[in-house]
N, C-alpha and C. Protein backbone atom coordinates (compact mmCIF):
# COMPACT_ATOMS: atom_id res chain seq x y z
N MET A 1 15.45 2.05 41.13
CA MET A 1 15.38 3.65 41.51
C MET A 1 14.83 4.09 40.63
N THR A 2 13.89 3.43 39.95
CA THR A 2 13.09 3.82 38.58
C THR A 2 12.33 5.65 39.20
N ASP A 3 12.25 5.54 40.45
CA ASP A 3 11.21 6.59 40.99
C ASP A 3 11.77 7.78 41.55
N ALA A 4 13.53 7.70 41.30
CA ALA A 4 14.29 8.41 41.98
C ALA A 4 13.97 9.94 41.25
N PRO A 5 14.15 11.31 42.05
CA PRO A 5 13.74 12.41 41.22
C PRO A 5 14.84 12.80 40.41
N VAL A 6 15.87 11.98 40.31
CA VAL A 6 17.12 12.31 39.07
C VAL A 6 17.70 10.75 38.91
N ARG A 7 17.68 10.57 37.93
CA ARG A 7 18.59 9.20 37.53
C ARG A 7 19.43 9.03 36.26
N ILE A 8 20.32 8.01 36.17
CA ILE A 8 20.84 7.80 35.25
C ILE A 8 20.24 6.64 34.33
N GLU A 9 19.90 7.25 32.98
CA GLU A 9 19.11 6.67 32.23
C GLU A 9 20.00 5.45 31.01
N SER A 10 21.17 6.14 30.73
CA SER A 10 21.87 5.61 29.95
C SER A 10 23.30 5.92 29.87
N PHE A 11 24.14 5.20 29.63
CA PHE A 11 25.87 4.99 29.82
C PHE A 11 26.00 4.87 28.77
N GLU A 12 27.67 5.67 28.56
CA GLU A 12 28.25 5.44 26.80
C GLU A 12 29.63 5.52 27.27
N SER A 13 30.21 4.55 27.34
CA SER A 13 32.02 4.64 27.50
C SER A 13 32.91 5.42 26.58
N LEU A 14 33.13 6.62 26.27
CA LEU A 14 33.96 7.38 25.62
C LEU A 14 35.72 6.91 25.51
N ALA A 15 36.12 7.49 24.60
CA ALA A 15 37.86 6.93 24.56
C ALA A 15 38.65 8.00 26.19
N ASP A 16 37.99 9.12 26.18
CA ASP A 16 38.36 9.87 27.10
C ASP A 16 37.40 10.09 28.29
N GLY A 17 36.80 9.34 28.23
CA GLY A 17 35.72 9.56 29.58
C GLY A 17 34.41 9.00 29.64
N CYS A 18 33.41 9.48 29.85
CA CYS A 18 31.91 9.05 29.14
C CYS A 18 30.83 10.00 29.01
N ALA A 19 29.83 9.10 28.69
CA ALA A 19 28.36 10.47 28.37
C ALA A 19 27.55 9.55 28.89
N ALA A 20 26.58 10.01 29.30
CA ALA A 20 25.40 9.51 30.16
C ALA A 20 24.20 10.67 29.93
N THR A 21 22.87 10.04 29.64
CA THR A 21 21.95 10.76 29.57
C THR A 21 20.99 10.50 31.32
N LEU A 22 20.63 11.83 31.81
CA LEU A 22 20.33 11.77 32.80
C LEU A 22 18.93 12.25 33.02
N PHE A 23 17.69 11.92 33.43
CA PHE A 23 16.31 12.26 33.86
C PHE A 23 16.31 12.89 34.91
N VAL A 24 15.46 14.02 34.90
CA VAL A 24 15.14 14.43 36.03
C VAL A 24 13.56 14.85 36.03
N SER A 25 13.21 13.71 37.16
CA SER A 25 11.22 13.49 36.88
C SER A 25 10.28 14.17 37.30
N SER A 26 10.85 15.37 37.47
CA SER A 26 9.67 16.49 38.23
C SER A 26 10.57 17.76 37.70
N PRO A 27 9.84 18.80 37.61
CA PRO A 27 10.10 20.29 37.08
C PRO A 27 10.43 20.91 38.59
N SER A 28 9.90 20.24 39.43
CA SER A 28 10.72 20.77 41.24
C SER A 28 11.54 20.34 41.03
N PHE A 29 12.35 19.60 40.65
CA PHE A 29 13.70 18.87 40.54
C PHE A 29 14.61 19.51 39.65
N MET A 30 14.11 20.18 38.84
CA MET A 30 14.99 20.60 37.69
C MET A 30 16.09 21.46 37.83
N ARG A 31 15.84 22.61 39.21
CA ARG A 31 16.67 23.49 39.62
C ARG A 31 17.65 23.28 40.46
N THR A 32 18.58 23.45 41.27
CA THR A 32 18.97 23.07 42.67
C THR A 32 18.22 24.22 43.88
N SER A 33 18.07 25.38 42.85
CA SER A 33 17.53 26.54 43.99
C SER A 33 16.01 25.79 44.32
N SER A 34 15.71 24.68 43.70
CA SER A 34 13.91 24.16 43.62
C SER A 34 14.39 23.22 45.46
N VAL A 35 15.37 22.86 45.50
CA VAL A 35 15.92 22.04 46.72
C VAL A 35 16.33 22.85 48.11
N PRO A 36 15.74 23.45 48.66
CA PRO A 36 16.41 24.46 49.78
C PRO A 36 17.42 23.57 50.58
N GLY A 37 18.62 23.99 50.54
CA GLY A 37 19.92 23.71 51.20
C GLY A 37 20.60 22.96 50.67
N LEU A 38 20.39 22.14 49.35
CA LEU A 38 20.80 21.14 48.26
C LEU A 38 22.40 21.44 47.85
N ALA A 39 22.51 22.70 47.18
CA ALA A 39 24.00 22.73 47.13
C ALA A 39 24.79 23.34 48.56
N ASP A 40 24.74 23.85 49.56
CA ASP A 40 25.00 23.96 50.48
C ASP A 40 25.29 22.68 51.23
N ALA A 41 24.38 21.97 51.09
CA ALA A 41 25.20 20.68 51.83
C ALA A 41 26.11 19.60 50.67
N ILE A 42 26.07 19.97 49.48
CA ILE A 42 27.00 19.38 48.98
C ILE A 42 28.19 20.30 49.21
N LEU A 43 28.35 21.47 49.24
CA LEU A 43 29.69 22.24 48.91
C LEU A 43 30.15 21.85 50.31
N GLU A 44 29.44 21.35 51.06
CA GLU A 44 29.99 21.09 52.67
C GLU A 44 30.43 19.78 52.94
N ALA A 45 29.79 18.87 52.02
CA ALA A 45 30.60 17.65 52.13
C ALA A 45 31.30 17.22 51.07
N LEU A 46 31.94 18.30 50.04
CA LEU A 46 33.11 18.36 49.39
C LEU A 46 33.37 19.67 49.05
N PRO A 47 34.11 20.15 49.92
CA PRO A 47 34.37 21.34 50.08
C PRO A 47 35.63 21.45 48.67
N GLY A 48 35.98 20.87 48.09
CA GLY A 48 36.97 21.07 46.63
C GLY A 48 36.37 21.68 45.63
N LEU A 49 34.97 21.67 45.85
CA LEU A 49 33.90 22.28 44.54
C LEU A 49 33.99 23.81 44.59
N VAL A 50 34.53 24.46 45.51
CA VAL A 50 34.91 25.53 45.33
C VAL A 50 35.88 26.10 44.54
N ARG A 51 36.55 24.87 44.08
CA ARG A 51 37.90 24.98 43.14
C ARG A 51 37.51 25.08 41.57
N HIS A 52 36.35 24.81 41.42
CA HIS A 52 35.86 24.62 40.44
C HIS A 52 35.48 25.29 39.48
N PRO A 53 36.30 25.10 37.85
CA PRO A 53 35.91 26.28 37.20
C PRO A 53 34.56 25.83 36.09
N CYS A 54 33.90 26.99 35.82
CA CYS A 54 32.52 26.84 35.04
C CYS A 54 32.70 27.87 33.90
N GLU A 55 32.25 26.86 33.15
CA GLU A 55 32.20 28.02 31.41
C GLU A 55 31.07 29.33 31.56
N CYS A 56 30.09 28.33 32.37
CA CYS A 56 28.43 29.02 32.51
C CYS A 56 28.53 29.78 33.77
N GLY A 57 29.28 29.56 34.73
CA GLY A 57 29.35 30.09 35.96
C GLY A 57 28.95 31.55 36.31
N SER A 58 28.41 31.87 37.19
CA SER A 58 27.86 33.06 37.67
C SER A 58 29.34 33.38 38.05
N ALA A 59 28.94 35.06 38.00
CA ALA A 59 30.36 35.77 38.25
C ALA A 59 30.25 35.87 39.17
N HIS A 60 29.49 35.37 40.50
CA HIS A 60 29.60 35.38 41.70
C HIS A 60 30.40 33.83 42.20
N GLY A 61 30.77 33.36 41.65
CA GLY A 61 31.59 32.32 41.77
C GLY A 61 30.76 30.86 41.47
N ILE A 62 31.66 29.51 41.43
CA ILE A 62 30.93 28.44 41.39
C ILE A 62 29.99 28.23 42.34
N ALA A 63 30.54 28.50 43.68
CA ALA A 63 29.52 28.48 44.63
C ALA A 63 27.85 28.88 44.49
N ALA A 64 27.53 29.95 44.01
CA ALA A 64 26.50 30.55 43.53
C ALA A 64 26.12 29.91 42.22
N GLU A 65 26.66 29.85 41.42
CA GLU A 65 26.33 28.98 39.98
C GLU A 65 25.65 27.31 40.60
N LEU A 66 25.90 26.77 41.55
CA LEU A 66 25.53 25.41 41.80
C LEU A 66 24.57 25.98 42.81
N ALA A 67 24.09 26.97 43.52
CA ALA A 67 23.05 27.23 43.91
C ALA A 67 21.97 27.11 43.34
N ASP A 68 22.03 27.63 42.09
CA ASP A 68 21.12 27.95 40.95
C ASP A 68 21.10 27.56 39.75
N THR A 69 21.33 26.10 39.41
CA THR A 69 21.73 25.73 38.42
C THR A 69 20.54 24.41 37.80
N GLU A 70 20.83 23.93 36.81
CA GLU A 70 19.88 22.57 36.84
C GLU A 70 20.84 21.48 37.37
N THR A 71 19.78 20.49 37.76
CA THR A 71 20.29 19.67 39.01
C THR A 71 21.54 18.84 38.26
N PRO A 72 21.49 18.25 36.80
CA PRO A 72 22.26 17.49 36.17
C PRO A 72 23.59 18.05 36.02
N HIS A 73 23.53 19.42 36.16
CA HIS A 73 24.91 20.35 36.17
C HIS A 73 25.49 19.79 37.55
N LEU A 74 25.18 20.51 38.77
CA LEU A 74 25.13 19.28 39.86
C LEU A 74 26.25 18.41 40.27
N VAL A 75 24.95 17.40 39.61
CA VAL A 75 25.85 16.03 39.03
C VAL A 75 26.94 16.04 38.61
N GLU A 76 27.29 16.50 37.45
CA GLU A 76 28.18 16.70 36.73
C GLU A 76 29.62 17.27 37.51
N HIS A 77 29.44 18.18 38.06
CA HIS A 77 30.55 18.82 39.30
C HIS A 77 30.79 18.10 40.41
N ILE A 78 30.31 17.32 40.73
CA ILE A 78 30.18 16.42 42.05
C ILE A 78 30.66 15.13 41.53
N ALA A 79 30.66 14.82 40.06
CA ALA A 79 31.16 13.36 39.62
C ALA A 79 32.52 14.05 39.47
N LEU A 80 32.91 15.29 38.76
CA LEU A 80 34.28 15.51 38.65
C LEU A 80 35.13 16.11 40.09
N GLU A 81 34.28 16.28 41.06
CA GLU A 81 34.96 16.23 42.35
C GLU A 81 35.45 14.89 43.10
N LEU A 82 34.87 13.71 42.77
CA LEU A 82 35.21 12.49 43.10
C LEU A 82 36.01 11.89 42.12
N LEU A 83 36.27 12.49 40.51
CA LEU A 83 37.53 11.80 40.05
C LEU A 83 38.49 12.64 40.94
N ALA A 84 38.56 13.81 41.30
CA ALA A 84 39.75 14.51 41.37
C ALA A 84 40.29 13.70 43.02
N VAL A 85 39.02 13.55 43.72
CA VAL A 85 39.71 13.17 44.93
C VAL A 85 40.12 11.86 44.53
N SER A 86 39.66 10.81 43.80
CA SER A 86 40.28 9.65 43.89
C SER A 86 41.50 9.71 43.13
N GLY A 87 42.28 11.17 42.61
CA GLY A 87 43.14 10.77 42.33
C GLY A 87 43.61 11.31 41.06
N ILE A 88 42.59 11.64 40.05
CA ILE A 88 43.10 12.10 38.69
C ILE A 88 43.20 13.59 38.76
N PRO A 89 44.39 13.90 38.10
CA PRO A 89 44.48 15.30 38.16
C PRO A 89 43.45 16.29 37.75
N ARG A 90 42.80 17.12 38.63
CA ARG A 90 42.04 18.10 38.34
C ARG A 90 42.03 18.68 36.63
N ARG A 91 43.52 18.90 36.67
CA ARG A 91 43.83 19.96 35.45
C ARG A 91 43.15 18.94 34.18
N GLU A 92 43.42 17.82 34.30
CA GLU A 92 42.80 16.60 33.15
C GLU A 92 41.23 16.48 32.90
N LEU A 93 40.53 16.96 33.65
CA LEU A 93 39.29 16.60 34.01
C LEU A 93 38.31 17.84 33.36
N HIS A 94 37.27 17.60 32.56
CA HIS A 94 36.55 18.27 32.48
C HIS A 94 35.01 17.86 31.81
N GLY A 95 34.07 18.51 31.93
CA GLY A 95 32.80 18.32 32.28
C GLY A 95 31.94 19.15 31.00
N ARG A 96 30.43 18.72 30.70
CA ARG A 96 29.42 19.38 30.15
C ARG A 96 28.10 18.72 30.63
N THR A 97 27.19 19.71 30.37
CA THR A 97 26.18 19.28 30.45
C THR A 97 24.73 20.14 29.83
N THR A 98 24.50 19.11 29.14
CA THR A 98 23.76 19.76 27.81
C THR A 98 22.30 19.39 27.94
N TRP A 99 21.27 19.82 27.31
CA TRP A 99 19.89 19.34 26.57
C TRP A 99 18.92 19.95 25.95
N ASP A 100 18.35 19.40 25.44
CA ASP A 100 17.48 19.96 24.43
C ASP A 100 16.53 19.19 24.48
N PHE A 101 15.15 20.03 25.50
CA PHE A 101 13.71 19.33 25.46
C PHE A 101 12.93 19.45 24.43
N ALA A 102 12.83 20.14 23.34
CA ALA A 102 12.56 20.15 21.97
C ALA A 102 12.69 18.75 21.44
N ARG A 103 14.12 18.31 21.55
CA ARG A 103 14.32 17.09 21.23
C ARG A 103 14.15 15.87 21.41
N ASP A 104 14.79 15.88 23.22
CA ASP A 104 14.50 14.86 23.98
C ASP A 104 13.78 14.09 24.81
N GLY A 105 12.37 15.82 24.82
CA GLY A 105 11.60 15.57 26.06
C GLY A 105 12.24 16.53 27.30
N ALA A 106 10.95 16.50 27.82
CA ALA A 106 11.39 17.68 29.09
C ALA A 106 12.07 16.50 30.36
N GLY A 107 13.00 17.13 31.20
CA GLY A 107 13.60 16.37 32.04
C GLY A 107 15.05 15.69 31.69
N VAL A 108 15.01 15.58 30.24
CA VAL A 108 16.37 14.61 29.69
C VAL A 108 17.54 15.77 29.55
N PHE A 109 18.57 14.93 30.27
CA PHE A 109 19.84 16.15 30.20
C PHE A 109 20.99 15.16 29.84
N HIS A 110 22.15 15.69 29.00
CA HIS A 110 23.50 14.82 28.75
C HIS A 110 24.15 15.33 29.53
N VAL A 111 25.18 14.43 30.17
CA VAL A 111 26.44 14.60 30.72
C VAL A 111 27.50 13.99 30.67
N SER A 112 28.82 14.72 30.17
CA SER A 112 30.02 14.31 29.70
C SER A 112 30.86 14.28 30.47
N LEU A 113 31.68 13.32 30.58
CA LEU A 113 32.86 13.55 31.87
C LEU A 113 34.19 13.45 31.12
N HIS A 114 35.38 13.90 30.79
CA HIS A 114 36.59 13.86 30.00
C HIS A 114 37.54 14.03 31.34
N GLY A 115 38.52 13.08 30.62
CA GLY A 115 39.94 13.16 31.36
C GLY A 115 40.26 12.03 32.71
N ALA A 116 39.18 10.93 32.29
CA ALA A 116 39.39 9.76 32.94
C ALA A 116 39.12 8.60 32.43
N PRO A 117 39.30 7.11 33.10
CA PRO A 117 38.84 6.11 32.49
C PRO A 117 37.39 5.78 32.72
N PRO A 118 36.57 5.38 31.73
CA PRO A 118 35.03 5.49 31.39
C PRO A 118 34.51 4.60 32.91
N GLU A 119 35.31 3.56 33.21
CA GLU A 119 34.54 3.00 34.85
C GLU A 119 34.68 3.78 35.86
N ALA A 120 35.48 4.42 35.28
CA ALA A 120 35.42 5.87 36.96
C ALA A 120 34.91 6.66 36.90
N CYS A 121 34.23 7.15 35.47
CA CYS A 121 33.53 8.39 35.17
C CYS A 121 32.03 7.86 35.81
N ALA A 122 31.94 6.27 35.17
CA ALA A 122 29.81 5.65 35.72
C ALA A 122 30.29 5.68 36.81
N LYS A 123 31.36 5.33 37.85
CA LYS A 123 31.24 5.10 38.98
C LYS A 123 30.84 6.49 39.57
N ALA A 124 31.85 7.54 39.40
CA ALA A 124 31.59 9.00 40.25
C ALA A 124 30.34 9.35 39.75
N LEU A 125 29.50 9.19 38.61
CA LEU A 125 28.63 9.46 38.16
C LEU A 125 27.39 8.86 39.34
N GLY A 126 27.42 7.66 39.25
CA GLY A 126 26.62 7.12 40.05
C GLY A 126 26.21 7.16 41.46
N GLN A 127 27.68 7.86 42.02
CA GLN A 127 28.21 8.21 43.11
C GLN A 127 27.12 9.49 43.46
N ALA A 128 27.41 10.51 42.34
CA ALA A 128 27.09 11.84 42.69
C ALA A 128 25.74 11.95 42.46
N THR A 129 24.96 11.16 41.42
CA THR A 129 23.76 11.17 41.31
C THR A 129 22.94 10.24 42.98
N ALA A 130 23.48 9.79 43.74
CA ALA A 130 23.15 9.27 44.56
C ALA A 130 23.21 10.27 45.67
N LEU A 131 24.14 10.95 45.70
CA LEU A 131 24.64 11.95 46.74
C LEU A 131 23.32 13.36 46.69
N VAL A 132 23.41 13.61 45.34
CA VAL A 132 21.94 14.33 45.03
C VAL A 132 20.65 13.85 45.24
N VAL A 133 20.56 12.89 45.00
CA VAL A 133 19.29 12.31 45.68
C VAL A 133 18.81 11.83 46.82
N GLY A 134 20.33 12.13 47.43
CA GLY A 134 20.07 11.54 49.16
C GLY A 134 19.81 13.18 49.95
N HIS A 135 20.24 14.04 49.00
CA HIS A 135 19.60 15.38 50.10
C HIS A 135 18.51 15.86 49.32
N MET A 136 17.92 15.30 48.86
CA MET A 136 16.58 15.89 47.64
C MET A 136 15.45 15.43 48.88
């Protein structure tokens, strides 16, 4: 799936989770607001997302944040929700999405998940990425 609009480029196991490098292939897929209905479709599929805290969240809540955020940030929250649905306590889970286009190049994002086994994180990130791509 090398031509997917969002894809996992690399994965690293961590003692308390995982880290992955995601690549967004086009500026038109960089933000969720560029894909009409994307956030709404994801929130409908995973209603538990409305309970997610987010350090960089909108003053209007997580739904507003996910409606206009970096696409890999949406992938992060979906993966965390999938881990929670699989039985990992929400209070143990947290994630982070970062980027430095000057250093890594345009479209390169780093997503880390913590509080779950690396294998579970890898599976959740794969499923989350596929869910986002399926709605693009």
